[in-house]
PDB file of N, CA and C in Angstrom:
ATOM      1  N   MET A   1    -102.893 -25.927  98.652  1.00  0.00           N
ATOM      2  CA  MET A   1    -103.562 -25.692  97.160  1.00  0.00           C
ATOM      3  C   MET A   1    -103.458 -24.937  96.990  1.00  0.00           C
ATOM      4  N   GLY A   2    -102.207 -23.599  96.354  1.00  0.00           N
ATOM      5  CA  GLY A   2    -102.232 -22.473  96.456  1.00  0.00           C
ATOM      6  C   GLY A   2    -101.449 -22.033  94.998  1.00  0.00           C
ATOM      7  N   LEU A   3    -100.808 -20.646  94.909  1.00  0.00           N
ATOM      8  CA  LEU A   3    -100.379 -21.019  94.058  1.00  0.00           C
ATOM      9  C   LEU A   3     -98.501 -20.734  94.330  1.00  0.00           C
ATOM     10  N   ASP A   4     -98.572 -21.633  95.424  1.00  0.00           N
ATOM     11  CA  ASP A   4     -97.290 -21.753  95.643  1.00  0.00           C
ATOM     12  C   ASP A   4     -95.796 -22.656  94.908  1.00  0.00           C
ATOM     13  N   ASN A   5     -96.731 -23.998  93.660  1.00  0.00           N
ATOM     14  CA  ASN A   5     -96.339 -24.759  93.312  1.00  0.00           C
ATOM     15  C   ASN A   5     -95.947 -24.046  92.262  1.00  0.00           C
ATOM     16  N   PRO A   6     -94.631 -23.916  91.112  1.00  0.00           N
ATOM     17  CA  PRO A   6     -94.614 -23.334  89.611  1.00  0.00           C
ATOM     18  C   PRO A   6     -95.461 -23.646  88.807  1.00  0.00           C
ATOM     19  N   LEU A   7     -95.972 -25.229  89.138  1.00  0.00           N
ATOM     20  CA  LEU A   7     -96.957 -25.407  88.116  1.00  0.00           C
ATOM     21  C   LEU A   7     -98.209 -24.607  87.704  1.00  0.00           C
ATOM     22  N   HIS A   8     -98.764 -24.720  89.320  1.00  0.00           N
ATOM     23  CA  HIS A   8     -99.555 -23.454  89.278  1.00  0.00           C
ATOM     24  C   HIS A   8     -99.657 -22.596  88.636  1.00  0.00           C
ATOM     25  N   ILE A   9     -98.589 -21.593  88.429  1.00  0.00           N
ATOM     26  CA  ILE A   9     -97.865 -20.616  87.612  1.00  0.00           C
ATOM     27  C   ILE A   9     -98.123 -20.501  86.542  1.00  0.00           C
ATOM     28  N   ALA A  10     -97.365 -21.248  85.846  1.00  0.00           N
ATOM     29  CA  ALA A  10     -97.049 -21.661  84.471  1.00  0.00           C
ATOM     30  C   ALA A  10     -98.963 -21.699  83.700  1.00  0.00           C
ATOM     31  N   PHE A  11     -99.514 -22.678  84.090  1.00  0.00           N
ATOM     32  CA  PHE A  11    -100.842 -22.273  84.033  1.00  0.00           C
ATOM     33  C   PHE A  11    -101.691 -22.003  84.079  1.00  0.00           C
ATOM     34  N   LEU A  12    -101.612 -20.450  85.562  1.00  0.00           N
ATOM     35  CA  LEU A  12    -102.431 -19.318  84.712  1.00  0.00           C
ATOM     36  C   LEU A  12    -101.914 -19.113  84.097  1.00  0.00           C
ATOM     37  N   VAL A  13    -100.619 -18.677  83.492  1.00  0.00           N
ATOM     38  CA  VAL A  13     -99.734 -17.755  82.361  1.00  0.00           C
ATOM     39  C   VAL A  13    -100.232 -18.225  81.214  1.00  0.00           C
ATOM     40  N   VAL A  14    -100.390 -19.900  81.175  1.00  0.00           N
ATOM     41  CA  VAL A  14    -101.224 -20.457  79.994  1.00  0.00           C
ATOM     42  C   VAL A  14    -102.238 -19.994  79.421  1.00  0.00           C
ATOM     43  N   ILE A  15    -103.245 -19.392  80.604  1.00  0.00           N
ATOM     44  CA  ILE A  15    -105.157 -19.309  80.264  1.00  0.00           C
ATOM     45  C   ILE A  15    -104.519 -17.918  80.245  1.00  0.00           C
ATOM     46  N   LEU A  16    -104.204 -17.485  80.390  1.00  0.00           N
ATOM     47  CA  LEU A  16    -104.225 -16.253  80.859  1.00  0.00           C
ATOM     48  C   LEU A  16    -103.914 -15.330  78.287  1.00  0.00           C
ATOM     49  N   LEU A  17    -103.054 -16.121  78.686  1.00  0.00           N
ATOM     50  CA  LEU A  17    -102.046 -16.275  77.493  1.00  0.00           C
ATOM     51  C   LEU A  17    -103.225 -16.684  76.401  1.00  0.00           C
ATOM     52  N   LEU A  18    -104.200 -17.330  76.517  1.00  0.00           N
ATOM     53  CA  LEU A  18    -104.756 -17.772  75.779  1.00  0.00           C
ATOM     54  C   LEU A  18    -106.060 -17.509  75.759  1.00  0.00           C
ATOM     55  N   LEU A  19    -106.935 -16.213  76.824  1.00  0.00           N
ATOM     56  CA  LEU A  19    -107.759 -15.522  77.178  1.00  0.00           C
ATOM     57  C   LEU A  19    -107.798 -14.410  76.606  1.00  0.00           C
ATOM     58  N   PHE A  20    -106.081 -13.673  77.228  1.00  0.00           N
ATOM     59  CA  PHE A  20    -106.381 -11.796  76.445  1.00  0.00           C
ATOM     60  C   PHE A  20    -105.447 -11.873  75.504  1.00  0.00           C
ATOM     61  N   GLY A  21    -104.345 -12.600  74.949  1.00  0.00           N
ATOM     62  CA  GLY A  21    -103.336 -12.491  73.808  1.00  0.00           C
ATOM     63  C   GLY A  21    -102.195 -12.301  74.343  1.00  0.00           C
ATOM     64  N   ALA A  22    -100.875 -11.873  73.433  1.00  0.00           N
ATOM     65  CA  ALA A  22     -99.820 -11.581  74.308  1.00  0.00           C
ATOM     66  C   ALA A  22     -99.899  -9.833  74.057  1.00  0.00           C
ATOM     67  N   LYS A  23    -100.495  -9.573  73.455  1.00  0.00           N
ATOM     68  CA  LYS A  23    -100.830  -8.071  73.011  1.00  0.00           C
ATOM     69  C   LYS A  23    -101.265  -7.214  74.211  1.00  0.00           C
ATOM     70  N   ARG A  24    -102.287  -7.895  74.516  1.00  0.00           N
ATOM     71  CA  ARG A  24    -103.478  -7.230  75.940  1.00  0.00           C
ATOM     72  C   ARG A  24    -102.660  -7.348  77.134  1.00  0.00           C
ATOM     73  N   LEU A  25    -101.836  -8.227  77.516  1.00  0.00           N
ATOM     74  CA  LEU A  25    -101.498  -8.278  78.677  1.00  0.00           C
ATOM     75  C   LEU A  25    -100.847  -7.030  79.472  1.00  0.00           C
ATOM     76  N   PRO A  26     -98.973  -7.201  78.897  1.00  0.00           N
ATOM     77  CA  PRO A  26     -98.444  -5.864  79.073  1.00  0.00           C
ATOM     78  C   PRO A  26     -99.478  -4.986  79.090  1.00  0.00           C
ATOM     79  N   GLU A  27    -100.319  -4.371  78.593  1.00  0.00           N
ATOM     80  CA  GLU A  27    -101.011  -3.014  78.809  1.00  0.00           C
ATOM     81  C   GLU A  27    -102.043  -3.090  80.132  1.00  0.00           C
ATOM     82  N   MET A  28    -102.567  -4.692  80.051  1.00  0.00           N
ATOM     83  CA  MET A  28    -103.015  -5.211  81.722  1.00  0.00           C
ATOM     84  C   MET A  28    -102.110  -5.002  82.469  1.00  0.00           C
ATOM     85  N   GLY A  29    -100.828  -5.223  82.778  1.00  0.00           N
ATOM     86  CA  GLY A  29     -99.991  -4.475  83.772  1.00  0.00           C
ATOM     87  C   GLY A  29     -99.574  -4.088  84.087  1.00  0.00           C
ATOM     88  N   ARG A  30     -99.912  -2.788  82.805  1.00  0.00           N
ATOM     89  CA  ARG A  30     -99.251  -1.270  82.967  1.00  0.00           C
ATOM     90  C   ARG A  30    -101.137  -0.634  83.538  1.00  0.00           C
ATOM     91  N   SER A  31    -101.573  -0.838  83.084  1.00  0.00           N
ATOM     92  CA  SER A  31    -102.896   0.051  83.621  1.00  0.00           C
ATOM     93  C   SER A  31    -103.264  -0.200  85.244  1.00  0.00           C
ATOM     94  N   LEU A  32    -102.779  -2.408  85.783  1.00  0.00           N
ATOM     95  CA  LEU A  32    -102.729  -2.046  86.600  1.00  0.00           C
ATOM     96  C   LEU A  32    -102.356  -1.808  87.693  1.00  0.00           C
ATOM     97  N   GLY A  33    -101.054  -1.133  87.115  1.00  0.00           N
ATOM     98  CA  GLY A  33    -100.070  -0.874  88.404  1.00  0.00           C
ATOM     99  C   GLY A  33    -100.036   0.971  88.115  1.00  0.00           C
ATOM    100  N   SER A  34    -100.323   1.072  87.805  1.00  0.00           N
ATOM    101  CA  SER A  34    -100.293   2.659  87.890  1.00  0.00           C
ATOM    102  C   SER A  34    -101.994   2.779  88.265  1.00  0.00           C
ATOM    103  N   GLY A  35    -103.022   1.826  88.372  1.00  0.00           N
ATOM    104  CA  GLY A  35    -104.090   2.625  89.559  1.00  0.00           C
ATOM    105  C   GLY A  35    -103.641   2.111  90.715  1.00  0.00           C
ATOM    106  N   MET A  36    -103.253   1.492  90.542  1.00  0.00           N
ATOM    107  CA  MET A  36    -102.550   0.754  91.869  1.00  0.00           C
ATOM    108  C   MET A  36    -101.818   1.577  93.104  1.00  0.00           C
ATOM    109  N   ARG A  37    -100.548   2.086  91.816  1.00  0.00           N
ATOM    110  CA  ARG A  37     -99.854   3.740  91.445  1.00  0.00           C
ATOM    111  C   ARG A  37    -100.563   4.838  92.342  1.00  0.00           C
ATOM    112  N   GLU A  38    -102.371   4.811  91.893  1.00  0.00           N
ATOM    113  CA  GLU A  38    -102.714   6.673  92.088  1.00  0.00           C
ATOM    114  C   GLU A  38    -103.695   5.917  93.458  1.00  0.00           C
ATOM    115  N   PHE A  39    -103.473   4.799  93.619  1.00  0.00           N
ATOM    116  CA  PHE A  39    -104.551   4.272  94.673  1.00  0.00           C
ATOM    117  C   PHE A  39    -103.852   4.895  96.409  1.00  0.00           C
ATOM    118  N   LYS A  40    -102.498   4.347  96.076  1.00  0.00           N
ATOM    119  CA  LYS A  40    -101.613   4.387  96.985  1.00  0.00           C
ATOM    120  C   LYS A  40    -101.037   5.726  96.775  1.00  0.00           C
ATOM    121  N   ASP A  41    -101.239   6.746  95.936  1.00  0.00           N
ATOM    122  CA  ASP A  41    -101.355   7.813  96.761  1.00  0.00           C
ATOM    123  C   ASP A  41    -101.898   8.841  96.960  1.00  0.00           C
ATOM    124  N   SER A  42    -103.204   8.312  96.910  1.00  0.00           N
ATOM    125  CA  SER A  42    -104.596   8.918  97.251  1.00  0.00           C
ATOM    126  C   SER A  42    -104.295   8.869  98.766  1.00  0.00           C
ATOM    127  N   ILE A  43    -103.762   7.547  98.431  1.00  0.00           N
ATOM    128  CA  ILE A  43    -104.452   7.189 100.836  1.00  0.00           C
ATOM    129  C   ILE A  43    -103.256   7.179 101.167  1.00  0.00           C
ATOM    130  N   THR A  44    -102.024   7.479 100.894  1.00  0.00           N
ATOM    131  CA  THR A  44    -100.979   8.466 101.296  1.00  0.00           C
ATOM    132  C   THR A  44    -101.173  10.122 101.883  1.00  0.00           C
ATOM    133  N   GLY A  45    -101.900  10.403 100.568  1.00  0.00           N
ATOM    134  CA  GLY A  45    -101.868  11.574 100.082  1.00  0.00           C
ATOM    135  C   GLY A  45    -100.177  12.450 100.116  1.00  0.00           C
ATOM    136  N   MET A  46     -99.281  11.371  98.815  1.00  0.00           N
ATOM    137  CA  MET A  46     -98.240  11.925  98.385  1.00  0.00           C
ATOM    138  C   MET A  46     -98.530  12.310  97.621  1.00  0.00           C
ATOM    139  N   GLY A  47     -99.210  11.847  96.377  1.00  0.00           N
ATOM    140  CA  GLY A  47     -99.166  12.814  95.461  1.00  0.00           C
ATOM    141  C   GLY A  47    -100.786  14.299  95.078  1.00  0.00           C
ATOM    142  N   GLN A  48    -100.469  14.596  96.550  1.00  0.00           N
ATOM    143  CA  GLN A  48    -101.251  16.070  96.357  1.00  0.00           C
ATOM    144  C   GLN A  48    -100.165  17.502  96.400  1.00  0.00           C
ATOM    145  N   PRO A  49    -100.125  18.260  94.917  1.00  0.00           N
ATOM    146  CA  PRO A  49     -99.507  19.453  94.597  1.00  0.00           C
ATOM    147  C   PRO A  49     -99.949  20.377  95.686  1.00  0.00           C
ATOM    148  N   THR A  50     -99.087  20.688  96.267  1.00  0.00           N
ATOM    149  CA  THR A  50     -99.732  22.105  96.996  1.00  0.00           C
ATOM    150  C   THR A  50     -98.661  23.324  96.867  1.00  0.00           C
ATOM    151  N   HIS A  51     -98.760  23.568  95.349  1.00  0.00           N
ATOM    152  CA  HIS A  51     -98.202  24.897  95.099  1.00  0.00           C
ATOM    153  C   HIS A  51     -98.000  25.952  95.692  1.00  0.00           C
ATOM    154  N   GLY A  52     -96.995  25.814  96.630  1.00  0.00           N
ATOM    155  CA  GLY A  52     -96.254  26.428  98.484  1.00  0.00           C
ATOM    156  C   GLY A  52     -98.189  26.859  99.433  1.00  0.00           C
ATOM    157  N   LEU A  53     -99.252  26.691  99.182  1.00  0.00           N
ATOM    158  CA  LEU A  53    -100.330  26.882 100.179  1.00  0.00           C
ATOM    159  C   LEU A  53     -99.937  26.400 101.563  1.00  0.00           C
ATOM    160  N   ASP A  54     -98.849  25.562 101.280  1.00  0.00           N
ATOM    161  CA  ASP A  54     -98.960  25.467 102.785  1.00  0.00           C
ATOM    162  C   ASP A  54     -98.583  26.474 103.943  1.00  0.00           C
ATOM    163  N   GLN A  55     -97.291  27.323 102.959  1.00  0.00           N
ATOM    164  CA  GLN A  55     -96.920  28.599 103.923  1.00  0.00           C
ATOM    165  C   GLN A  55     -97.708  30.034 103.558  1.00  0.00           C
ATOM    166  N   GLY A  56     -98.402  29.257 103.264  1.00  0.00           N
ATOM    167  CA  GLY A  56     -99.615  31.111 103.878  1.00  0.00           C
ATOM    168  C   GLY A  56     -99.431  31.942 102.401  1.00  0.00           C
ATOM    169  N   THR A  57     -98.739  31.264 100.999  1.00  0.00           N
ATOM    170  CA  THR A  57     -98.650  32.368 100.454  1.00  0.00           C
ATOM    171  C   THR A  57     -99.597  31.792  99.394  1.00  0.00           C
ATOM    172  N   VAL A  58     -99.608  32.362  98.636  1.00  0.00           N
ATOM    173  CA  VAL A  58    -100.874  32.647  97.070  1.00  0.00           C
ATOM    174  C   VAL A  58    -100.076  32.613  95.990  1.00  0.00           C
ATOM    175  N   PRO A  59    -100.037  32.113  95.149  1.00  0.00           N
ATOM    176  CA  PRO A  59     -99.578  32.379  93.902  1.00  0.00           C
ATOM    177  C   PRO A  59    -100.740  33.054  92.931  1.00  0.00           C
ATOM    178  N   THR A  60     -99.805  34.347  92.157  1.00  0.00           N
ATOM    179  CA  THR A  60     -99.778  35.580  91.691  1.00  0.00           C
ATOM    180  C   THR A  60    -100.470  35.101  89.651  1.00  0.00           C
ATOM    181  N   PRO A  61    -101.452  35.224  89.546  1.00  0.00           N
ATOM    182  CA  PRO A  61    -101.318  34.275  87.629  1.00  0.00           C
ATOM    183  C   PRO A  61     -99.928  35.413  87.102  1.00  0.00           C
ATOM    184  N   VAL A  62     -99.323  35.081  86.248  1.00  0.00           N
ATOM    185  CA  VAL A  62     -99.062  36.502  86.145  1.00  0.00           C
ATOM    186  C   VAL A  62     -99.048  36.190  83.743  1.00  0.00           C
ATOM    187  N   ALA A  63     -99.741  38.154  84.387  1.00  0.00           N
ATOM    188  CA  ALA A  63    -100.178  38.231  82.330  1.00  0.00           C
ATOM    189  C   ALA A  63     -99.173  37.995  81.397  1.00  0.00           C
ATOM    190  N   ALA A  64     -99.548  37.214  80.244  1.00  0.00           N
ATOM    191  CA  ALA A  64     -98.983  36.382  78.806  1.00  0.00           C
ATOM    192  C   ALA A  64     -98.432  38.475  78.289  1.00  0.00           C
ATOM    193  N   GLN A  65     -97.471  39.112  78.010  1.00  0.00           N
ATOM    194  CA  GLN A  65     -97.178  39.810  77.812  1.00  0.00           C
ATOM    195  C   GLN A  65     -96.268  39.426  76.050  1.00  0.00           C
ATOM    196  N   PRO A  66     -96.994  40.073  75.546  1.00  0.00           N
ATOM    197  CA  PRO A  66     -96.640  40.291  73.827  1.00  0.00           C
ATOM    198  C   PRO A  66     -94.868  40.048  73.681  1.00  0.00           C
ATOM    199  N   GLU A  67     -94.479  39.345  72.934  1.00  0.00           N
ATOM    200  CA  GLU A  67     -92.442  39.519  73.052  1.00  0.00           C
ATOM    201  C   GLU A  67     -92.132  40.675  72.170  1.00  0.00           C
ATOM    202  N   VAL A  68     -91.009  41.341  72.303  1.00  0.00           N
ATOM    203  CA  VAL A  68     -90.490  42.060  71.644  1.00  0.00           C
ATOM    204  C   VAL A  68     -89.857  42.209  70.513  1.00  0.00           C
ATOM    205  N   GLY A  69     -91.363  42.922  69.457  1.00  0.00           N
ATOM    206  CA  GLY A  69     -90.257  42.728  68.238  1.00  0.00           C
ATOM    207  C   GLY A  69     -91.811  42.633  67.406  1.00  0.00           C
ATOM    208  N   ALA A  70     -92.546  41.562  68.382  1.00  0.00           N
ATOM    209  CA  ALA A  70     -93.658  40.893  67.633  1.00  0.00           C
ATOM    210  C   ALA A  70     -95.084  41.543  66.759  1.00  0.00           C
ATOM    211  N   ALA A  71     -95.034  40.724  66.448  1.00  0.00           N
ATOM    212  CA  ALA A  71     -96.055  41.551  65.530  1.00  0.00           C
ATOM    213  C   ALA A  71     -97.729  41.740  66.410  1.00  0.00           C
ATOM    214  N   SER A  72     -98.580  42.415  66.006  1.00  0.00           N
ATOM    215  CA  SER A  72    -100.092  41.947  66.651  1.00  0.00           C
ATOM    216  C   SER A  72    -100.759  41.750  65.796  1.00  0.00           C
ATOM    217  N   PRO A  73    -102.180  40.809  66.594  1.00  0.00           N
ATOM    218  CA  PRO A  73    -102.671  39.643  65.072  1.00  0.00           C
ATOM    219  C   PRO A  73    -103.303  41.167  64.798  1.00  0.00           C
ATOM    220  N   THR A  74    -103.652  42.534  65.157  1.00  0.00           N
ATOM    221  CA  THR A  74    -104.721  43.661  64.531  1.00  0.00           C
ATOM    222  C   THR A  74    -103.332  44.581  63.843  1.00  0.00           C
ATOM    223  N   ALA A  75    -102.536  44.243  64.009  1.00  0.00           N
ATOM    224  CA  ALA A  75    -101.266  45.568  62.760  1.00  0.00           C
ATOM    225  C   ALA A  75    -101.757  45.423  61.900  1.00  0.00           C
ATOM    226  N   THR A  76    -101.850  46.345  60.814  1.00  0.00           N
ATOM    227  CA  THR A  76    -101.549  46.246  59.546  1.00  0.00           C
ATOM    228  C   THR A  76    -100.415  46.095  58.940  1.00  0.00           C
ATOM    229  N   PRO A  77     -99.450  45.376  57.431  1.00  0.00           N
ATOM    230  CA  PRO A  77     -98.742  45.476  56.918  1.00  0.00           C
ATOM    231  C   PRO A  77     -98.388  46.879  56.224  1.00  0.00           C
ATOM    232  N   ALA A  78     -97.273  47.215  56.494  1.00  0.00           N
ATOM    233  CA  ALA A  78     -96.760  48.327  56.392  1.00  0.00           C
ATOM    234  C   ALA A  78     -96.348  48.258  54.705  1.00  0.00           C
ATOM    235  N   SER A  79     -96.963  49.331  54.557  1.00  0.00           N
ATOM    236  CA  SER A  79     -96.998  49.580  52.919  1.00  0.00           C
ATOM    237  C   SER A  79     -95.847  49.519  52.237  1.00  0.00           C
ATOM    238  N   VAL A  80     -95.144  49.197  51.094  1.00  0.00           N
ATOM    239  CA  VAL A  80     -94.006  49.063  50.614  1.00  0.00           C
ATOM    240  C   VAL A  80     -93.380  49.867  49.066  1.00  0.00           C
ATOM    241  N   ASP A  81     -93.193  51.125  49.304  1.00  0.00           N
ATOM    242  CA  ASP A  81     -93.206  52.300  47.892  1.00  0.00           C
ATOM    243  C   ASP A  81     -91.934  51.764  46.797  1.00  0.00           C
TER     244      ASP A  81
END
């Protein structure tokens, strides 16, 4: 008595459709799949970003530079004569 019989699987699918509706089942499947994927990545350590720290380098932050020719927010408009 398991899910090896196709009639049991079809019966289970009909029950799920009646309980949750046709719109919710794909959404639930996607969320279950992404949750399983995140769990697997956390167990294996594959999803860990290293950002170059394993080579002994430390990333340096880059300061935001204003674009050439861009008006600064404190600049006053030029007077037109």
